[in-house]
């Protein structure tokens, strides 16, 4: 894929005064601090999640149980970062529509993990009130995954991290039309194949 500033520009282009709690599609990207590859590895152009990477994927999927007004579209856990498309849907219920690829990814991850988290995925977990922003949702995601990762370090010997698990800031982009949605979705799914060309690439 040729360079696209809407995708490959890593600095936030958040709009001053924009209400990031309003309905819409948002492309988000967060990176592990210092680009440390803690979540798995790329093998033959495919992302192979380790246990911590599986945890991150499952906690992303579980966000819809915490925030009843969101839908989750394409996403990918990479060795040292995560990106996905998040939809804020005003008036959405707890049971939200997912596209086929996300639903299939959910099944694949749960099959890999066995029963771990499977019950939590279908259980309400303290629904957040409406009006939460993209930043609020990502802050919750980063906090939950950090706590789970620390538990993994202590109980399962996961690689430790220094200071914070995630970098402080995050990148987001408002998806305004179907073509942009398609372009970014393809970029997310193709990212493992193009890992060596990624700005976050780190052996």
C-alpha atoms as a PDB file:
ATOM      1  CA  UNK A   1       0.000   0.000   0.000  1.00  0.00           C
ATOM      2  CA  UNK A   2       1.334   3.408  -0.943  1.00  0.00           C
ATOM      3  CA  UNK A   3       1.858   6.045   1.727  1.00  0.00           C
ATOM      4  CA  UNK A   4      -1.401   7.548   2.938  1.00  0.00           C
ATOM      5  CA  UNK A   5      -1.102  10.464   5.398  1.00  0.00           C
ATOM      6  CA  UNK A   6      -4.463   9.575   6.935  1.00  0.00           C
ATOM      7  CA  UNK A   7      -3.042   6.208   7.969  1.00  0.00           C
ATOM      8  CA  UNK A   8       0.705   6.515   8.286  1.00  0.00           C
ATOM      9  CA  UNK A   9       0.894   9.918   9.973  1.00  0.00           C
ATOM     10  CA  UNK A  10       1.526   8.934  13.585  1.00  0.00           C
ATOM     11  CA  UNK A  11       0.924  12.236  15.341  1.00  0.00           C
ATOM     12  CA  UNK A  12      -2.573  12.910  16.589  1.00  0.00           C
ATOM     13  CA  UNK A  13      -4.678  15.130  14.375  1.00  0.00           C
ATOM     14  CA  UNK A  14      -7.426  15.628  16.951  1.00  0.00           C
ATOM     15  CA  UNK A  15      -9.600  18.553  15.997  1.00  0.00           C
ATOM     16  CA  UNK A  16      -9.796  21.425  18.437  1.00  0.00           C
ATOM     17  CA  UNK A  17     -13.296  21.736  19.807  1.00  0.00           C
ATOM     18  CA  UNK A  18     -14.505  18.487  18.216  1.00  0.00           C
ATOM     19  CA  UNK A  19     -16.858  16.381  20.340  1.00  0.00           C
ATOM     20  CA  UNK A  20     -15.244  12.948  20.380  1.00  0.00           C
ATOM     21  CA  UNK A  21     -18.252  11.464  22.158  1.00  0.00           C
ATOM     22  CA  UNK A  22     -20.467  11.980  19.129  1.00  0.00           C
ATOM     23  CA  UNK A  23     -21.545   9.216  16.778  1.00  0.00           C
ATOM     24  CA  UNK A  24     -18.987   8.200  14.177  1.00  0.00           C
ATOM     25  CA  UNK A  25     -16.160   5.902  13.147  1.00  0.00           C
ATOM     26  CA  UNK A  26     -12.690   6.457  14.613  1.00  0.00           C
ATOM     27  CA  UNK A  27      -9.388   4.851  13.622  1.00  0.00           C
ATOM     28  CA  UNK A  28      -7.170   4.532  16.691  1.00  0.00           C
ATOM     29  CA  UNK A  29      -3.593   3.425  17.282  1.00  0.00           C
ATOM     30  CA  UNK A  30      -1.748   2.976  20.574  1.00  0.00           C
ATOM     31  CA  UNK A  31       1.832   1.818  21.031  1.00  0.00           C
ATOM     32  CA  UNK A  32       3.686  -0.088  23.719  1.00  0.00           C
ATOM     33  CA  UNK A  33       6.157   2.184  25.499  1.00  0.00           C
ATOM     34  CA  UNK A  34       9.569   2.300  23.815  1.00  0.00           C
ATOM     35  CA  UNK A  35       8.173   0.128  20.978  1.00  0.00           C
ATOM     36  CA  UNK A  36       8.876  -2.994  23.031  1.00  0.00           C
ATOM     37  CA  UNK A  37       7.560  -6.122  21.287  1.00  0.00           C
ATOM     38  CA  UNK A  38       5.585  -7.653  24.146  1.00  0.00           C
ATOM     39  CA  UNK A  39       2.443  -8.917  22.424  1.00  0.00           C
ATOM     40  CA  UNK A  40       3.723 -11.584  20.027  1.00  0.00           C
ATOM     41  CA  UNK A  41       5.610 -11.815  16.751  1.00  0.00           C
ATOM     42  CA  UNK A  42       5.134 -11.802  13.007  1.00  0.00           C
ATOM     43  CA  UNK A  43       5.737 -15.198  11.401  1.00  0.00           C
ATOM     44  CA  UNK A  44       5.373 -15.686   7.643  1.00  0.00           C
ATOM     45  CA  UNK A  45       3.373 -12.491   7.352  1.00  0.00           C
ATOM     46  CA  UNK A  46       0.921 -13.420  10.107  1.00  0.00           C
ATOM     47  CA  UNK A  47       0.565 -12.052  13.622  1.00  0.00           C
ATOM     48  CA  UNK A  48       1.117 -14.782  16.204  1.00  0.00           C
ATOM     49  CA  UNK A  49      -0.232 -13.605  19.536  1.00  0.00           C
ATOM     50  CA  UNK A  50       1.463 -14.638  22.750  1.00  0.00           C
ATOM     51  CA  UNK A  51      -0.612 -14.822  25.944  1.00  0.00           C
ATOM     52  CA  UNK A  52      -0.335 -11.088  26.583  1.00  0.00           C
ATOM     53  CA  UNK A  53      -1.354 -10.317  23.001  1.00  0.00           C
ATOM     54  CA  UNK A  54      -4.377 -12.579  23.351  1.00  0.00           C
ATOM     55  CA  UNK A  55      -5.273 -10.754  26.549  1.00  0.00           C
ATOM     56  CA  UNK A  56      -5.136  -7.392  24.748  1.00  0.00           C
ATOM     57  CA  UNK A  57      -7.385  -8.693  21.959  1.00  0.00           C
ATOM     58  CA  UNK A  58      -9.900 -10.125  24.403  1.00  0.00           C
ATOM     59  CA  UNK A  59     -10.016  -6.951  26.495  1.00  0.00           C
ATOM     60  CA  UNK A  60     -10.627  -4.919  23.343  1.00  0.00           C
ATOM     61  CA  UNK A  61     -13.561  -7.164  22.457  1.00  0.00           C
ATOM     62  CA  UNK A  62     -14.807  -6.953  26.046  1.00  0.00           C
ATOM     63  CA  UNK A  63     -15.078  -3.158  25.829  1.00  0.00           C
ATOM     64  CA  UNK A  64     -18.512  -3.519  24.266  1.00  0.00           C
ATOM     65  CA  UNK A  65     -19.694  -4.979  27.580  1.00  0.00           C
ATOM     66  CA  UNK A  66     -18.436  -1.907  29.437  1.00  0.00           C
ATOM     67  CA  UNK A  67     -19.555   0.726  26.938  1.00  0.00           C
ATOM     68  CA  UNK A  68     -23.014  -0.063  25.559  1.00  0.00           C
ATOM     69  CA  UNK A  69     -22.847   2.671  22.933  1.00  0.00           C
ATOM     70  CA  UNK A  70     -19.874   1.357  20.936  1.00  0.00           C
ATOM     71  CA  UNK A  71     -19.325  -1.082  18.096  1.00  0.00           C
ATOM     72  CA  UNK A  72     -15.978  -2.678  17.230  1.00  0.00           C
ATOM     73  CA  UNK A  73     -14.881  -3.045  13.636  1.00  0.00           C
ATOM     74  CA  UNK A  74     -11.541  -4.149  12.148  1.00  0.00           C
ATOM     75  CA  UNK A  75      -8.634  -4.362  14.573  1.00  0.00           C
ATOM     76  CA  UNK A  76      -5.195  -5.906  14.853  1.00  0.00           C
ATOM     77  CA  UNK A  77      -2.828  -6.586  17.725  1.00  0.00           C
ATOM     78  CA  UNK A  78       0.731  -6.128  16.473  1.00  0.00           C
ATOM     79  CA  UNK A  79       3.977  -7.036  18.314  1.00  0.00           C
ATOM     80  CA  UNK A  80       4.282  -3.583  19.874  1.00  0.00           C
ATOM     81  CA  UNK A  81       1.112  -1.694  19.046  1.00  0.00           C
ATOM     82  CA  UNK A  82      -2.614  -2.007  18.573  1.00  0.00           C
ATOM     83  CA  UNK A  83      -4.906  -0.399  16.068  1.00  0.00           C
ATOM     84  CA  UNK A  84      -8.558  -0.703  15.243  1.00  0.00           C
ATOM     85  CA  UNK A  85     -11.732   1.012  14.169  1.00  0.00           C
ATOM     86  CA  UNK A  86     -14.128   2.034  16.902  1.00  0.00           C
ATOM     87  CA  UNK A  87     -17.678   3.222  16.280  1.00  0.00           C
ATOM     88  CA  UNK A  88     -19.581   5.329  18.751  1.00  0.00           C
ATOM     89  CA  UNK A  89     -23.251   4.650  18.064  1.00  0.00           C
ATOM     90  CA  UNK A  90     -25.587   6.961  19.943  1.00  0.00           C
ATOM     91  CA  UNK A  91     -28.494   4.999  21.350  1.00  0.00           C
ATOM     92  CA  UNK A  92     -26.869   1.585  20.745  1.00  0.00           C
ATOM     93  CA  UNK A  93     -27.783  -1.245  23.080  1.00  0.00           C
ATOM     94  CA  UNK A  94     -25.474  -3.731  24.747  1.00  0.00           C
ATOM     95  CA  UNK A  95     -25.977  -6.191  21.900  1.00  0.00           C
ATOM     96  CA  UNK A  96     -24.387  -4.445  18.931  1.00  0.00           C
ATOM     97  CA  UNK A  97     -23.936  -5.485  15.326  1.00  0.00           C
ATOM     98  CA  UNK A  98     -20.462  -6.626  14.363  1.00  0.00           C
ATOM     99  CA  UNK A  99     -19.126  -7.184  10.889  1.00  0.00           C
ATOM    100  CA  UNK A 100     -18.243 -10.745   9.900  1.00  0.00           C
ATOM    101  CA  UNK A 101     -14.482 -10.373  10.212  1.00  0.00           C
ATOM    102  CA  UNK A 102     -14.702  -9.107  13.802  1.00  0.00           C
ATOM    103  CA  UNK A 103     -17.120 -11.847  14.779  1.00  0.00           C
ATOM    104  CA  UNK A 104     -14.815 -14.455  13.231  1.00  0.00           C
ATOM    105  CA  UNK A 105     -11.793 -12.966  14.982  1.00  0.00           C
ATOM    106  CA  UNK A 106     -13.679 -13.202  18.285  1.00  0.00           C
ATOM    107  CA  UNK A 107     -14.311 -16.902  17.685  1.00  0.00           C
ATOM    108  CA  UNK A 108     -10.711 -17.556  16.649  1.00  0.00           C
ATOM    109  CA  UNK A 109      -9.273 -15.831  19.710  1.00  0.00           C
ATOM    110  CA  UNK A 110     -11.632 -17.615  22.073  1.00  0.00           C
ATOM    111  CA  UNK A 111     -10.757 -20.952  20.462  1.00  0.00           C
ATOM    112  CA  UNK A 112      -7.062 -20.213  21.049  1.00  0.00           C
ATOM    113  CA  UNK A 113      -7.684 -19.263  24.658  1.00  0.00           C
ATOM    114  CA  UNK A 114     -10.079 -22.064  25.473  1.00  0.00           C
ATOM    115  CA  UNK A 115     -12.472 -21.020  28.245  1.00  0.00           C
ATOM    116  CA  UNK A 116     -10.397 -18.107  29.508  1.00  0.00           C
ATOM    117  CA  UNK A 117     -12.451 -14.898  29.522  1.00  0.00           C
ATOM    118  CA  UNK A 118     -15.262 -16.620  27.590  1.00  0.00           C
ATOM    119  CA  UNK A 119     -17.803 -16.058  30.352  1.00  0.00           C
ATOM    120  CA  UNK A 120     -16.651 -12.497  30.932  1.00  0.00           C
ATOM    121  CA  UNK A 121     -17.223 -11.711  27.255  1.00  0.00           C
ATOM    122  CA  UNK A 122     -20.971 -12.175  27.592  1.00  0.00           C
ATOM    123  CA  UNK A 123     -21.478 -10.607  30.995  1.00  0.00           C
ATOM    124  CA  UNK A 124     -22.162  -6.909  31.651  1.00  0.00           C
ATOM    125  CA  UNK A 125     -19.259  -5.361  33.545  1.00  0.00           C
ATOM    126  CA  UNK A 126     -20.356  -2.044  34.976  1.00  0.00           C
ATOM    127  CA  UNK A 127     -21.784  -0.258  31.964  1.00  0.00           C
ATOM    128  CA  UNK A 128     -20.345   3.182  31.390  1.00  0.00           C
ATOM    129  CA  UNK A 129     -22.820   6.021  30.941  1.00  0.00           C
ATOM    130  CA  UNK A 130     -23.320   7.514  27.505  1.00  0.00           C
ATOM    131  CA  UNK A 131     -21.296  10.570  26.598  1.00  0.00           C
ATOM    132  CA  UNK A 132     -17.904   8.911  26.990  1.00  0.00           C
ATOM    133  CA  UNK A 133     -15.308  10.111  24.507  1.00  0.00           C
ATOM    134  CA  UNK A 134     -12.862   8.115  22.408  1.00  0.00           C
ATOM    135  CA  UNK A 135     -10.186   9.182  24.892  1.00  0.00           C
ATOM    136  CA  UNK A 136     -12.227   7.905  27.833  1.00  0.00           C
ATOM    137  CA  UNK A 137     -12.685   4.531  26.167  1.00  0.00           C
ATOM    138  CA  UNK A 138      -8.991   4.204  25.316  1.00  0.00           C
ATOM    139  CA  UNK A 139      -7.973   5.259  28.823  1.00  0.00           C
ATOM    140  CA  UNK A 140     -10.142   2.454  30.207  1.00  0.00           C
ATOM    141  CA  UNK A 141      -8.675  -0.023  27.717  1.00  0.00           C
ATOM    142  CA  UNK A 142      -5.105   0.964  28.570  1.00  0.00           C
ATOM    143  CA  UNK A 143      -5.791   0.800  32.303  1.00  0.00           C
ATOM    144  CA  UNK A 144      -7.490  -2.622  32.151  1.00  0.00           C
ATOM    145  CA  UNK A 145      -4.815  -4.183  29.928  1.00  0.00           C
ATOM    146  CA  UNK A 146      -2.048  -2.734  32.098  1.00  0.00           C
ATOM    147  CA  UNK A 147      -3.522  -4.324  35.219  1.00  0.00           C
ATOM    148  CA  UNK A 148      -3.972  -7.640  33.410  1.00  0.00           C
ATOM    149  CA  UNK A 149      -0.424  -7.472  32.076  1.00  0.00           C
ATOM    150  CA  UNK A 150       1.007  -6.820  35.534  1.00  0.00           C
ATOM    151  CA  UNK A 151      -0.907  -9.855  36.771  1.00  0.00           C
ATOM    152  CA  UNK A 152       0.615 -11.880  33.914  1.00  0.00           C
ATOM    153  CA  UNK A 153       4.113 -10.744  34.842  1.00  0.00           C
ATOM    154  CA  UNK A 154       3.614 -11.806  38.457  1.00  0.00           C
ATOM    155  CA  UNK A 155       1.723 -15.036  37.851  1.00  0.00           C
ATOM    156  CA  UNK A 156       2.852 -16.299  34.442  1.00  0.00           C
ATOM    157  CA  UNK A 157       6.307 -14.846  33.821  1.00  0.00           C
ATOM    158  CA  UNK A 158       5.344 -12.420  31.054  1.00  0.00           C
ATOM    159  CA  UNK A 159       8.109 -10.053  29.988  1.00  0.00           C
ATOM    160  CA  UNK A 160       8.241  -7.091  32.375  1.00  0.00           C
ATOM    161  CA  UNK A 161       7.957  -3.488  31.231  1.00  0.00           C
ATOM    162  CA  UNK A 162       9.520  -0.306  32.561  1.00  0.00           C
ATOM    163  CA  UNK A 163       7.304   2.429  33.953  1.00  0.00           C
ATOM    164  CA  UNK A 164       4.125   2.225  31.879  1.00  0.00           C
ATOM    165  CA  UNK A 165       2.921  -0.446  29.485  1.00  0.00           C
ATOM    166  CA  UNK A 166       1.524   1.945  26.871  1.00  0.00           C
ATOM    167  CA  UNK A 167       2.843   5.232  25.574  1.00  0.00           C
ATOM    168  CA  UNK A 168       1.023   8.202  27.069  1.00  0.00           C
ATOM    169  CA  UNK A 169      -0.644   9.536  23.953  1.00  0.00           C
ATOM    170  CA  UNK A 170      -2.527   7.842  21.142  1.00  0.00           C
ATOM    171  CA  UNK A 171      -3.289   8.484  17.495  1.00  0.00           C
ATOM    172  CA  UNK A 172      -6.827   8.830  16.204  1.00  0.00           C
ATOM    173  CA  UNK A 173      -8.458   9.780  12.937  1.00  0.00           C
ATOM    174  CA  UNK A 174     -12.121  10.471  12.206  1.00  0.00           C
ATOM    175  CA  UNK A 175     -13.348   8.253   9.360  1.00  0.00           C
ATOM    176  CA  UNK A 176     -15.711  10.387   7.302  1.00  0.00           C
ATOM    177  CA  UNK A 177     -16.684   8.236   4.308  1.00  0.00           C
ATOM    178  CA  UNK A 178     -16.931   4.661   3.051  1.00  0.00           C
ATOM    179  CA  UNK A 179     -13.765   4.859   0.952  1.00  0.00           C
ATOM    180  CA  UNK A 180     -11.685   5.981   3.918  1.00  0.00           C
ATOM    181  CA  UNK A 181     -13.238   3.201   6.012  1.00  0.00           C
ATOM    182  CA  UNK A 182     -12.333   0.612   3.354  1.00  0.00           C
ATOM    183  CA  UNK A 183      -8.773   1.938   2.929  1.00  0.00           C
ATOM    184  CA  UNK A 184      -8.063   1.931   6.662  1.00  0.00           C
ATOM    185  CA  UNK A 185      -9.707  -1.469   7.171  1.00  0.00           C
ATOM    186  CA  UNK A 186      -7.470  -2.966   4.491  1.00  0.00           C
ATOM    187  CA  UNK A 187      -4.424  -1.307   6.032  1.00  0.00           C
ATOM    188  CA  UNK A 188      -5.223  -2.837   9.426  1.00  0.00           C
ATOM    189  CA  UNK A 189      -5.675  -6.330   8.002  1.00  0.00           C
ATOM    190  CA  UNK A 190      -2.555  -6.083   5.807  1.00  0.00           C
ATOM    191  CA  UNK A 191      -0.316  -4.687   8.545  1.00  0.00           C
ATOM    192  CA  UNK A 192       1.293  -8.028   9.525  1.00  0.00           C
ATOM    193  CA  UNK A 193       2.400  -8.645   5.919  1.00  0.00           C
ATOM    194  CA  UNK A 194       3.948  -5.178   5.766  1.00  0.00           C
ATOM    195  CA  UNK A 195       5.442  -5.266   9.268  1.00  0.00           C
ATOM    196  CA  UNK A 196       9.027  -4.642   8.121  1.00  0.00           C
ATOM    197  CA  UNK A 197       7.926  -1.363   6.523  1.00  0.00           C
ATOM    198  CA  UNK A 198       5.973  -0.177   9.561  1.00  0.00           C
ATOM    199  CA  UNK A 199       7.222   2.854  11.480  1.00  0.00           C
ATOM    200  CA  UNK A 200       6.789   0.879  14.694  1.00  0.00           C
ATOM    201  CA  UNK A 201       8.910  -1.996  13.383  1.00  0.00           C
ATOM    202  CA  UNK A 202      11.285  -3.181  16.051  1.00  0.00           C
ATOM    203  CA  UNK A 203      13.127  -6.509  16.158  1.00  0.00           C
END
